[in-house]
Amino acid sequence: MASLREIFRVLIPGGRLVLEMAWNKEDGLDHTEDIDKFNLKLYSADELTEMLQESGFTDIEFTYYKGFWLPFKGHVVPKGMIVKAVKEKS
């Protein structure tokens, strides 16, 4: 949360934040092993909306994209998430 507030602070009024989350709570995979192994935190759209609003962002939008397969690693991203938010103009 503190890093979102810092991003908000340094963005110019009207600036846009764009986040891409290949792994998220809504992607349909069980990430339990990777969460433990890499100390990850996954978020849902509702959680991100709350965090972004608390940090001062508005016009929050979510876009989902169909996943892909990386044959050399075997990773699957069935439902990636792109988040857009705006720092209101003063």
C-alpha atoms as a PDB file:
ATOM      1  CA  MET A   1       0.000   0.000   0.000  1.00  0.00           C
ATOM      2  CA  ALA A   2       2.797   2.430   0.845  1.00  0.00           C
ATOM      3  CA  SER A   3       4.281   1.993  -2.625  1.00  0.00           C
ATOM      4  CA  LEU A   4       0.915   2.850  -4.239  1.00  0.00           C
ATOM      5  CA  ARG A   5       0.801   6.042  -2.175  1.00  0.00           C
ATOM      6  CA  GLU A   6       4.331   6.866  -3.307  1.00  0.00           C
ATOM      7  CA  ILE A   7       3.411   6.259  -6.955  1.00  0.00           C
ATOM      8  CA  PHE A   8       0.380   8.506  -6.466  1.00  0.00           C
ATOM      9  CA  ARG A   9       2.574  11.180  -4.888  1.00  0.00           C
ATOM     10  CA  VAL A  10       5.073  11.317  -7.760  1.00  0.00           C
ATOM     11  CA  LEU A  11       2.548  11.098 -10.620  1.00  0.00           C
ATOM     12  CA  ILE A  12       1.567  14.376 -12.223  1.00  0.00           C
ATOM     13  CA  PRO A  13      -2.121  15.303 -11.980  1.00  0.00           C
ATOM     14  CA  GLY A  14      -3.911  13.353 -14.701  1.00  0.00           C
ATOM     15  CA  GLY A  15      -1.127  10.736 -14.693  1.00  0.00           C
ATOM     16  CA  ARG A  16      -2.063   7.116 -15.309  1.00  0.00           C
ATOM     17  CA  LEU A  17      -0.904   4.018 -13.468  1.00  0.00           C
ATOM     18  CA  VAL A  18      -0.906   0.752 -15.437  1.00  0.00           C
ATOM     19  CA  LEU A  19      -0.223  -2.603 -13.763  1.00  0.00           C
ATOM     20  CA  GLU A  20      -0.047  -6.006 -15.417  1.00  0.00           C
ATOM     21  CA  MET A  21      -0.620  -9.058 -13.262  1.00  0.00           C
ATOM     22  CA  ALA A  22      -0.121 -12.373 -15.013  1.00  0.00           C
ATOM     23  CA  TRP A  23      -0.824 -14.270 -11.800  1.00  0.00           C
ATOM     24  CA  ASN A  24      -3.797 -13.071  -9.782  1.00  0.00           C
ATOM     25  CA  LYS A  25      -6.491 -14.505  -7.528  1.00  0.00           C
ATOM     26  CA  GLU A  26      -8.931 -14.674 -10.437  1.00  0.00           C
ATOM     27  CA  ASP A  27      -6.776 -16.605 -12.925  1.00  0.00           C
ATOM     28  CA  GLY A  28      -8.108 -20.044 -12.012  1.00  0.00           C
ATOM     29  CA  LEU A  29      -4.804 -21.618 -10.949  1.00  0.00           C
ATOM     30  CA  ASP A  30      -3.624 -22.879  -7.583  1.00  0.00           C
ATOM     31  CA  HIS A  31      -0.495 -20.834  -6.865  1.00  0.00           C
ATOM     32  CA  THR A  32      -0.001 -22.119  -3.298  1.00  0.00           C
ATOM     33  CA  GLU A  33       3.390 -23.688  -4.008  1.00  0.00           C
ATOM     34  CA  ASP A  34       4.715 -20.608  -5.842  1.00  0.00           C
ATOM     35  CA  ILE A  35       3.356 -18.230  -3.184  1.00  0.00           C
ATOM     36  CA  ASP A  36       5.329 -20.098  -0.535  1.00  0.00           C
ATOM     37  CA  LYS A  37       8.429 -20.580  -2.692  1.00  0.00           C
ATOM     38  CA  PHE A  38       8.699 -16.981  -3.935  1.00  0.00           C
ATOM     39  CA  ASN A  39       6.890 -15.179  -1.074  1.00  0.00           C
ATOM     40  CA  LEU A  40       4.265 -13.802  -3.476  1.00  0.00           C
ATOM     41  CA  LYS A  41       1.066 -11.910  -2.724  1.00  0.00           C
ATOM     42  CA  LEU A  42      -1.767 -12.288  -5.220  1.00  0.00           C
ATOM     43  CA  TYR A  43      -4.648  -9.833  -5.452  1.00  0.00           C
ATOM     44  CA  SER A  44      -8.207  -9.863  -6.738  1.00  0.00           C
ATOM     45  CA  ALA A  45      -9.828  -6.959  -8.604  1.00  0.00           C
ATOM     46  CA  ASP A  46     -11.802  -6.055  -5.468  1.00  0.00           C
ATOM     47  CA  GLU A  47      -8.663  -5.935  -3.322  1.00  0.00           C
ATOM     48  CA  LEU A  48      -6.807  -3.838  -5.897  1.00  0.00           C
ATOM     49  CA  THR A  49      -9.745  -1.450  -6.255  1.00  0.00           C
ATOM     50  CA  GLU A  50      -9.821  -0.880  -2.507  1.00  0.00           C
ATOM     51  CA  MET A  51      -6.052  -0.336  -2.306  1.00  0.00           C
ATOM     52  CA  LEU A  52      -6.014   2.051  -5.276  1.00  0.00           C
ATOM     53  CA  GLN A  53      -8.961   4.072  -3.953  1.00  0.00           C
ATOM     54  CA  GLU A  54      -7.341   4.337  -0.514  1.00  0.00           C
ATOM     55  CA  SER A  55      -4.195   5.631  -2.234  1.00  0.00           C
ATOM     56  CA  GLY A  56      -6.194   8.337  -4.041  1.00  0.00           C
ATOM     57  CA  PHE A  57      -6.619   6.864  -7.536  1.00  0.00           C
ATOM     58  CA  THR A  58      -9.854   7.130  -9.526  1.00  0.00           C
ATOM     59  CA  ASP A  59     -11.189   5.831 -12.855  1.00  0.00           C
ATOM     60  CA  ILE A  60     -10.000   2.315 -12.025  1.00  0.00           C
ATOM     61  CA  GLU A  61     -10.453  -0.160 -14.890  1.00  0.00           C
ATOM     62  CA  PHE A  62      -9.677  -3.850 -15.250  1.00  0.00           C
ATOM     63  CA  THR A  63      -9.044  -5.680 -18.490  1.00  0.00           C
ATOM     64  CA  TYR A  64      -8.475  -9.420 -18.625  1.00  0.00           C
ATOM     65  CA  TYR A  65      -6.541 -11.179 -21.348  1.00  0.00           C
ATOM     66  CA  LYS A  66      -6.387 -14.767 -22.418  1.00  0.00           C
ATOM     67  CA  GLY A  67      -3.302 -16.557 -21.237  1.00  0.00           C
ATOM     68  CA  PHE A  68      -0.366 -18.101 -23.021  1.00  0.00           C
ATOM     69  CA  TRP A  69       2.005 -21.024 -22.749  1.00  0.00           C
ATOM     70  CA  LEU A  70       5.788 -20.757 -22.521  1.00  0.00           C
ATOM     71  CA  PRO A  71       6.961 -24.184 -23.693  1.00  0.00           C
ATOM     72  CA  PHE A  72      10.486 -23.885 -22.334  1.00  0.00           C
ATOM     73  CA  LYS A  73       9.227 -23.069 -18.816  1.00  0.00           C
ATOM     74  CA  GLY A  74       5.796 -24.696 -18.909  1.00  0.00           C
ATOM     75  CA  HIS A  75       4.068 -21.711 -17.301  1.00  0.00           C
ATOM     76  CA  VAL A  76       0.426 -21.040 -18.009  1.00  0.00           C
ATOM     77  CA  VAL A  77      -1.376 -17.749 -17.514  1.00  0.00           C
ATOM     78  CA  PRO A  78      -5.036 -18.560 -18.176  1.00  0.00           C
ATOM     79  CA  LYS A  79      -6.397 -15.136 -17.208  1.00  0.00           C
ATOM     80  CA  GLY A  80      -4.029 -12.192 -16.914  1.00  0.00           C
ATOM     81  CA  MET A  81      -5.136  -8.832 -15.521  1.00  0.00           C
ATOM     82  CA  ILE A  82      -4.315  -5.289 -16.618  1.00  0.00           C
ATOM     83  CA  VAL A  83      -5.239  -2.536 -14.161  1.00  0.00           C
ATOM     84  CA  LYS A  84      -5.488   1.148 -15.087  1.00  0.00           C
ATOM     85  CA  ALA A  85      -6.033   4.013 -12.648  1.00  0.00           C
ATOM     86  CA  VAL A  86      -5.768   7.794 -12.819  1.00  0.00           C
ATOM     87  CA  LYS A  87      -4.534  10.507 -10.483  1.00  0.00           C
ATOM     88  CA  GLU A  88      -7.226  13.161 -10.765  1.00  0.00           C
ATOM     89  CA  LYS A  89      -6.262  16.568 -12.099  1.00  0.00           C
ATOM     90  CA  SER A  90      -6.176  19.204  -9.358  1.00  0.00           C
END
